[in-house]
Amino acid sequence: MPGRVPLARPRALGQTSPMKRLPTAFVAACLLLLSACGFQLRDALVLPTGLEEVRVTATDPYSPLAQSLERALVQAGADVVGADDRRRVASLNVLSERWADRPLSIDQFARAQEFTMQYAVVFSLTDANGDVLVPQQVVEMGRDYIAPPQDATGTATERELLTREMQREMTASILRRIDAASRDVRSP
């Protein structure tokens, strides 16, 4: 019959088309290149010896950062003890938390339009004997955000989201420093 296209012959099971093999080869080549350049996934957090039980102290007893650190330490395998527990355990001390907003740009009416939110935390870590595992140090971070004066509702919501994100990042940064300090002690 004229105009009729013959049907394609069905493929046997297990046969793959050249298009399906190409992504597999491409993925294998990418993995080979990544391993050649030294790329490796970050290892899991390793707590130093003596940090099986830890107390997190902060100047503000209701600090969201302290609560976030406690949750992260529990996930890493530590047993977090409360402030009322008088046993001698390791202590992660959040000595200071500071927030600041600095204007970056202003409009023609001299109103700030864009800000940098800065967050700085001073902390230290000691073991149960009082020996310093991580000396007192400062972790600082900053994020920019736009705050048009005519949109006060959106600005408050954006600041709140940015604050929570920065606290999560600060928790991760502090734990990475603890992990790095414990790796330095373990390496020969």
C-alpha atoms as a PDB file:
ATOM      1  CA  MET A   1       0.000   0.000   0.000  1.00  0.00           C
ATOM      2  CA  PRO A   2       1.331   3.387  -0.907  1.00  0.00           C
ATOM      3  CA  GLY A   3       2.165   5.792   1.972  1.00  0.00           C
ATOM      4  CA  ARG A   4       2.364   3.024   4.506  1.00  0.00           C
ATOM      5  CA  VAL A   5       5.497   2.919   6.686  1.00  0.00           C
ATOM      6  CA  PRO A   6       6.775  -0.535   7.607  1.00  0.00           C
ATOM      7  CA  LEU A   7       6.782  -1.231  11.331  1.00  0.00           C
ATOM      8  CA  ALA A   8      10.121  -1.461  13.065  1.00  0.00           C
ATOM      9  CA  ARG A   9      11.268  -4.884  14.081  1.00  0.00           C
ATOM     10  CA  PRO A  10      11.072  -5.317  17.903  1.00  0.00           C
ATOM     11  CA  ARG A  11      14.418  -5.535  19.652  1.00  0.00           C
ATOM     12  CA  ALA A  12      15.501  -8.512  21.660  1.00  0.00           C
ATOM     13  CA  LEU A  13      15.521  -8.218  25.426  1.00  0.00           C
ATOM     14  CA  GLY A  14      18.780  -6.982  26.899  1.00  0.00           C
ATOM     15  CA  GLN A  15      19.817  -5.126  23.761  1.00  0.00           C
ATOM     16  CA  THR A  16      20.667  -1.456  24.371  1.00  0.00           C
ATOM     17  CA  SER A  17      20.753   1.298  21.876  1.00  0.00           C
ATOM     18  CA  PRO A  18      23.948   3.280  21.261  1.00  0.00           C
ATOM     19  CA  MET A  19      22.257   6.315  22.906  1.00  0.00           C
ATOM     20  CA  LYS A  20      21.903   4.445  26.214  1.00  0.00           C
ATOM     21  CA  ARG A  21      25.564   3.453  26.220  1.00  0.00           C
ATOM     22  CA  LEU A  22      26.769   7.016  25.653  1.00  0.00           C
ATOM     23  CA  PRO A  23      25.629   8.397  29.037  1.00  0.00           C
ATOM     24  CA  THR A  24      27.258   5.466  30.838  1.00  0.00           C
ATOM     25  CA  ALA A  25      30.544   6.094  29.056  1.00  0.00           C
ATOM     26  CA  PHE A  26      30.224   9.819  29.733  1.00  0.00           C
ATOM     27  CA  VAL A  27      29.603   9.245  33.458  1.00  0.00           C
ATOM     28  CA  ALA A  28      32.559   6.864  33.660  1.00  0.00           C
ATOM     29  CA  ALA A  29      34.817   9.418  31.943  1.00  0.00           C
ATOM     30  CA  CYS A  30      33.656  12.163  34.327  1.00  0.00           C
ATOM     31  CA  LEU A  31      34.332   9.973  37.360  1.00  0.00           C
ATOM     32  CA  LEU A  32      37.789   9.151  36.023  1.00  0.00           C
ATOM     33  CA  LEU A  33      38.560  12.844  35.492  1.00  0.00           C
ATOM     34  CA  LEU A  34      37.280  13.778  38.953  1.00  0.00           C
ATOM     35  CA  SER A  35      39.399  11.139  40.625  1.00  0.00           C
ATOM     36  CA  ALA A  36      42.446  12.267  38.650  1.00  0.00           C
ATOM     37  CA  CYS A  37      42.080  15.876  39.824  1.00  0.00           C
ATOM     38  CA  GLY A  38      42.017  14.863  43.507  1.00  0.00           C
ATOM     39  CA  PHE A  39      38.296  15.407  44.100  1.00  0.00           C
ATOM     40  CA  GLN A  40      36.855  13.407  46.970  1.00  0.00           C
ATOM     41  CA  LEU A  41      33.682  13.594  48.997  1.00  0.00           C
ATOM     42  CA  ARG A  42      33.961  15.028  52.484  1.00  0.00           C
ATOM     43  CA  ASP A  43      34.257  12.357  55.148  1.00  0.00           C
ATOM     44  CA  ALA A  44      31.719  12.106  57.933  1.00  0.00           C
ATOM     45  CA  LEU A  45      32.322  14.179  61.045  1.00  0.00           C
ATOM     46  CA  VAL A  46      34.788  12.488  63.345  1.00  0.00           C
ATOM     47  CA  LEU A  47      34.553  13.541  66.964  1.00  0.00           C
ATOM     48  CA  PRO A  48      37.815  13.613  68.926  1.00  0.00           C
ATOM     49  CA  THR A  49      38.356  11.031  71.639  1.00  0.00           C
ATOM     50  CA  GLY A  50      36.939  12.253  74.909  1.00  0.00           C
ATOM     51  CA  LEU A  51      34.010  13.890  73.170  1.00  0.00           C
ATOM     52  CA  GLU A  52      31.598  11.020  73.653  1.00  0.00           C
ATOM     53  CA  GLU A  53      29.790  13.157  76.236  1.00  0.00           C
ATOM     54  CA  VAL A  54      29.666  16.896  75.738  1.00  0.00           C
ATOM     55  CA  ARG A  55      27.973  19.938  77.219  1.00  0.00           C
ATOM     56  CA  VAL A  56      27.135  22.898  75.005  1.00  0.00           C
ATOM     57  CA  THR A  57      27.182  26.184  76.876  1.00  0.00           C
ATOM     58  CA  ALA A  58      26.211  29.597  75.558  1.00  0.00           C
ATOM     59  CA  THR A  59      25.793  33.057  77.018  1.00  0.00           C
ATOM     60  CA  ASP A  60      22.141  32.894  75.917  1.00  0.00           C
ATOM     61  CA  PRO A  61      20.559  29.714  77.332  1.00  0.00           C
ATOM     62  CA  TYR A  62      17.909  29.819  74.554  1.00  0.00           C
ATOM     63  CA  SER A  63      20.375  30.354  71.728  1.00  0.00           C
ATOM     64  CA  PRO A  64      19.212  28.727  68.470  1.00  0.00           C
ATOM     65  CA  LEU A  65      22.879  28.173  67.607  1.00  0.00           C
ATOM     66  CA  ALA A  66      23.492  26.218  70.829  1.00  0.00           C
ATOM     67  CA  GLN A  67      20.407  24.096  70.166  1.00  0.00           C
ATOM     68  CA  SER A  68      21.544  23.469  66.595  1.00  0.00           C
ATOM     69  CA  LEU A  69      25.019  22.465  67.809  1.00  0.00           C
ATOM     70  CA  GLU A  70      23.482  20.038  70.301  1.00  0.00           C
ATOM     71  CA  ARG A  71      21.392  18.376  67.572  1.00  0.00           C
ATOM     72  CA  ALA A  72      24.399  18.134  65.243  1.00  0.00           C
ATOM     73  CA  LEU A  73      26.594  16.606  67.957  1.00  0.00           C
ATOM     74  CA  VAL A  74      23.933  14.000  68.743  1.00  0.00           C
ATOM     75  CA  GLN A  75      23.765  13.129  65.024  1.00  0.00           C
ATOM     76  CA  ALA A  76      27.567  12.750  65.047  1.00  0.00           C
ATOM     77  CA  GLY A  77      27.324  10.220  67.880  1.00  0.00           C
ATOM     78  CA  ALA A  78      27.936  12.334  70.995  1.00  0.00           C
ATOM     79  CA  ASP A  79      25.810  12.209  74.127  1.00  0.00           C
ATOM     80  CA  VAL A  80      24.837  15.796  74.977  1.00  0.00           C
ATOM     81  CA  VAL A  81      24.405  16.456  78.698  1.00  0.00           C
ATOM     82  CA  GLY A  82      22.437  19.327  80.163  1.00  0.00           C
ATOM     83  CA  ALA A  83      23.759  22.285  82.117  1.00  0.00           C
ATOM     84  CA  ASP A  84      22.345  20.831  85.372  1.00  0.00           C
ATOM     85  CA  ASP A  85      24.457  17.650  84.991  1.00  0.00           C
ATOM     86  CA  ARG A  86      27.585  18.203  87.136  1.00  0.00           C
ATOM     87  CA  ARG A  87      29.719  15.406  85.682  1.00  0.00           C
ATOM     88  CA  ARG A  88      33.055  16.326  84.173  1.00  0.00           C
ATOM     89  CA  VAL A  89      32.486  16.122  80.424  1.00  0.00           C
ATOM     90  CA  ALA A  90      33.831  17.873  77.352  1.00  0.00           C
ATOM     91  CA  SER A  91      32.504  21.379  76.886  1.00  0.00           C
ATOM     92  CA  LEU A  92      31.748  23.289  73.689  1.00  0.00           C
ATOM     93  CA  ASN A  93      31.577  26.904  74.808  1.00  0.00           C
ATOM     94  CA  VAL A  94      29.847  29.495  72.637  1.00  0.00           C
ATOM     95  CA  LEU A  95      31.387  32.562  74.233  1.00  0.00           C
ATOM     96  CA  SER A  96      29.836  35.202  72.021  1.00  0.00           C
ATOM     97  CA  GLU A  97      27.306  35.620  69.211  1.00  0.00           C
ATOM     98  CA  ARG A  98      27.114  38.933  67.387  1.00  0.00           C
ATOM     99  CA  TRP A  99      24.753  40.046  64.626  1.00  0.00           C
ATOM    100  CA  ALA A 100      25.147  43.245  62.642  1.00  0.00           C
ATOM    101  CA  ASP A 101      23.500  44.848  59.621  1.00  0.00           C
ATOM    102  CA  ARG A 102      25.515  47.247  57.512  1.00  0.00           C
ATOM    103  CA  PRO A 103      24.028  49.253  54.650  1.00  0.00           C
ATOM    104  CA  LEU A 104      25.605  48.640  51.254  1.00  0.00           C
ATOM    105  CA  SER A 105      23.629  51.028  49.067  1.00  0.00           C
ATOM    106  CA  ILE A 106      21.188  53.897  49.487  1.00  0.00           C
ATOM    107  CA  ASP A 107      18.530  55.383  47.231  1.00  0.00           C
ATOM    108  CA  GLN A 108      18.058  59.008  46.141  1.00  0.00           C
ATOM    109  CA  PHE A 109      16.235  59.736  49.440  1.00  0.00           C
ATOM    110  CA  ALA A 110      19.202  58.494  51.513  1.00  0.00           C
ATOM    111  CA  ARG A 111      17.360  55.335  52.601  1.00  0.00           C
ATOM    112  CA  ALA A 112      19.268  52.071  52.761  1.00  0.00           C
ATOM    113  CA  GLN A 113      18.290  49.652  49.995  1.00  0.00           C
ATOM    114  CA  GLU A 114      20.798  46.842  50.348  1.00  0.00           C
ATOM    115  CA  PHE A 115      22.416  45.440  53.486  1.00  0.00           C
ATOM    116  CA  THR A 116      25.071  42.986  54.582  1.00  0.00           C
ATOM    117  CA  MET A 117      24.064  40.813  57.515  1.00  0.00           C
ATOM    118  CA  GLN A 118      27.126  39.773  59.486  1.00  0.00           C
ATOM    119  CA  TYR A 119      27.290  36.971  62.016  1.00  0.00           C
ATOM    120  CA  ALA A 120      30.293  36.296  64.250  1.00  0.00           C
ATOM    121  CA  VAL A 121      30.670  33.561  66.856  1.00  0.00           C
ATOM    122  CA  VAL A 122      33.496  33.021  69.334  1.00  0.00           C
ATOM    123  CA  PHE A 123      33.798  29.444  70.602  1.00  0.00           C
ATOM    124  CA  SER A 124      36.208  26.969  72.162  1.00  0.00           C
ATOM    125  CA  LEU A 125      36.210  23.269  72.964  1.00  0.00           C
ATOM    126  CA  THR A 126      37.745  21.601  76.014  1.00  0.00           C
ATOM    127  CA  ASP A 127      37.797  17.965  77.036  1.00  0.00           C
ATOM    128  CA  ALA A 128      36.634  16.569  80.381  1.00  0.00           C
ATOM    129  CA  ASN A 129      40.045  17.273  81.965  1.00  0.00           C
ATOM    130  CA  GLY A 130      39.957  20.906  80.896  1.00  0.00           C
ATOM    131  CA  ASP A 131      42.554  20.457  78.150  1.00  0.00           C
ATOM    132  CA  VAL A 132      41.911  22.643  75.115  1.00  0.00           C
ATOM    133  CA  LEU A 133      40.945  20.645  72.014  1.00  0.00           C
ATOM    134  CA  VAL A 134      39.985  23.654  69.882  1.00  0.00           C
ATOM    135  CA  PRO A 135      41.365  26.975  71.104  1.00  0.00           C
ATOM    136  CA  GLN A 136      39.150  30.031  71.295  1.00  0.00           C
ATOM    137  CA  GLN A 137      38.474  31.285  67.784  1.00  0.00           C
ATOM    138  CA  VAL A 138      36.110  33.444  65.797  1.00  0.00           C
ATOM    139  CA  VAL A 139      33.984  32.292  62.887  1.00  0.00           C
ATOM    140  CA  GLU A 140      32.531  35.117  60.801  1.00  0.00           C
ATOM    141  CA  MET A 141      30.182  35.109  57.858  1.00  0.00           C
ATOM    142  CA  GLY A 142      28.169  37.675  55.966  1.00  0.00           C
ATOM    143  CA  ARG A 143      25.294  37.653  53.501  1.00  0.00           C
ATOM    144  CA  ASP A 144      23.865  40.441  51.365  1.00  0.00           C
ATOM    145  CA  TYR A 145      20.156  41.100  51.046  1.00  0.00           C
ATOM    146  CA  ILE A 146      17.922  43.743  49.501  1.00  0.00           C
ATOM    147  CA  ALA A 147      15.473  45.621  51.700  1.00  0.00           C
ATOM    148  CA  PRO A 148      13.414  48.188  49.810  1.00  0.00           C
ATOM    149  CA  PRO A 149      11.903  50.662  52.329  1.00  0.00           C
ATOM    150  CA  GLN A 150       8.423  50.305  50.828  1.00  0.00           C
ATOM    151  CA  ASP A 151       8.325  46.489  51.381  1.00  0.00           C
ATOM    152  CA  ALA A 152       8.695  46.018  55.149  1.00  0.00           C
ATOM    153  CA  THR A 153       6.860  42.665  55.242  1.00  0.00           C
ATOM    154  CA  GLY A 154       9.053  41.002  52.631  1.00  0.00           C
ATOM    155  CA  THR A 155      12.175  42.339  54.286  1.00  0.00           C
ATOM    156  CA  ALA A 156      11.310  40.840  57.672  1.00  0.00           C
ATOM    157  CA  THR A 157      10.620  37.446  56.110  1.00  0.00           C
ATOM    158  CA  GLU A 158      13.838  37.538  54.093  1.00  0.00           C
ATOM    159  CA  ARG A 159      15.867  38.492  57.173  1.00  0.00           C
ATOM    160  CA  GLU A 160      14.320  35.645  59.164  1.00  0.00           C
ATOM    161  CA  LEU A 161      15.120  33.088  56.469  1.00  0.00           C
ATOM    162  CA  LEU A 162      18.635  34.458  56.108  1.00  0.00           C
ATOM    163  CA  THR A 163      19.157  34.308  59.880  1.00  0.00           C
ATOM    164  CA  ARG A 164      18.135  30.632  60.036  1.00  0.00           C
ATOM    165  CA  GLU A 165      20.322  29.770  57.053  1.00  0.00           C
ATOM    166  CA  MET A 166      23.324  31.520  58.585  1.00  0.00           C
ATOM    167  CA  GLN A 167      22.812  29.701  61.900  1.00  0.00           C
ATOM    168  CA  ARG A 168      22.792  26.349  60.038  1.00  0.00           C
ATOM    169  CA  GLU A 169      25.949  27.336  58.190  1.00  0.00           C
ATOM    170  CA  MET A 170      27.581  28.481  61.437  1.00  0.00           C
ATOM    171  CA  THR A 171      26.803  25.122  63.045  1.00  0.00           C
ATOM    172  CA  ALA A 172      28.374  23.307  60.111  1.00  0.00           C
ATOM    173  CA  SER A 173      31.410  25.607  60.173  1.00  0.00           C
ATOM    174  CA  ILE A 174      32.019  25.062  63.900  1.00  0.00           C
ATOM    175  CA  LEU A 175      31.697  21.285  63.504  1.00  0.00           C
ATOM    176  CA  ARG A 176      34.118  21.337  60.551  1.00  0.00           C
ATOM    177  CA  ARG A 177      36.653  23.155  62.730  1.00  0.00           C
ATOM    178  CA  ILE A 178      36.209  20.574  65.496  1.00  0.00           C
ATOM    179  CA  ASP A 179      36.631  17.815  62.924  1.00  0.00           C
ATOM    180  CA  ALA A 180      39.764  19.434  61.466  1.00  0.00           C
ATOM    181  CA  ALA A 181      41.286  19.850  64.931  1.00  0.00           C
ATOM    182  CA  SER A 182      40.619  16.202  65.758  1.00  0.00           C
ATOM    183  CA  ARG A 183      42.174  15.081  62.455  1.00  0.00           C
ATOM    184  CA  ASP A 184      45.285  17.168  63.167  1.00  0.00           C
ATOM    185  CA  VAL A 185      45.686  15.451  66.554  1.00  0.00           C
ATOM    186  CA  ARG A 186      45.220  11.946  65.059  1.00  0.00           C
ATOM    187  CA  SER A 187      47.592  12.398  62.108  1.00  0.00           C
ATOM    188  CA  PRO A 188      51.229  11.369  62.759  1.00  0.00           C
END
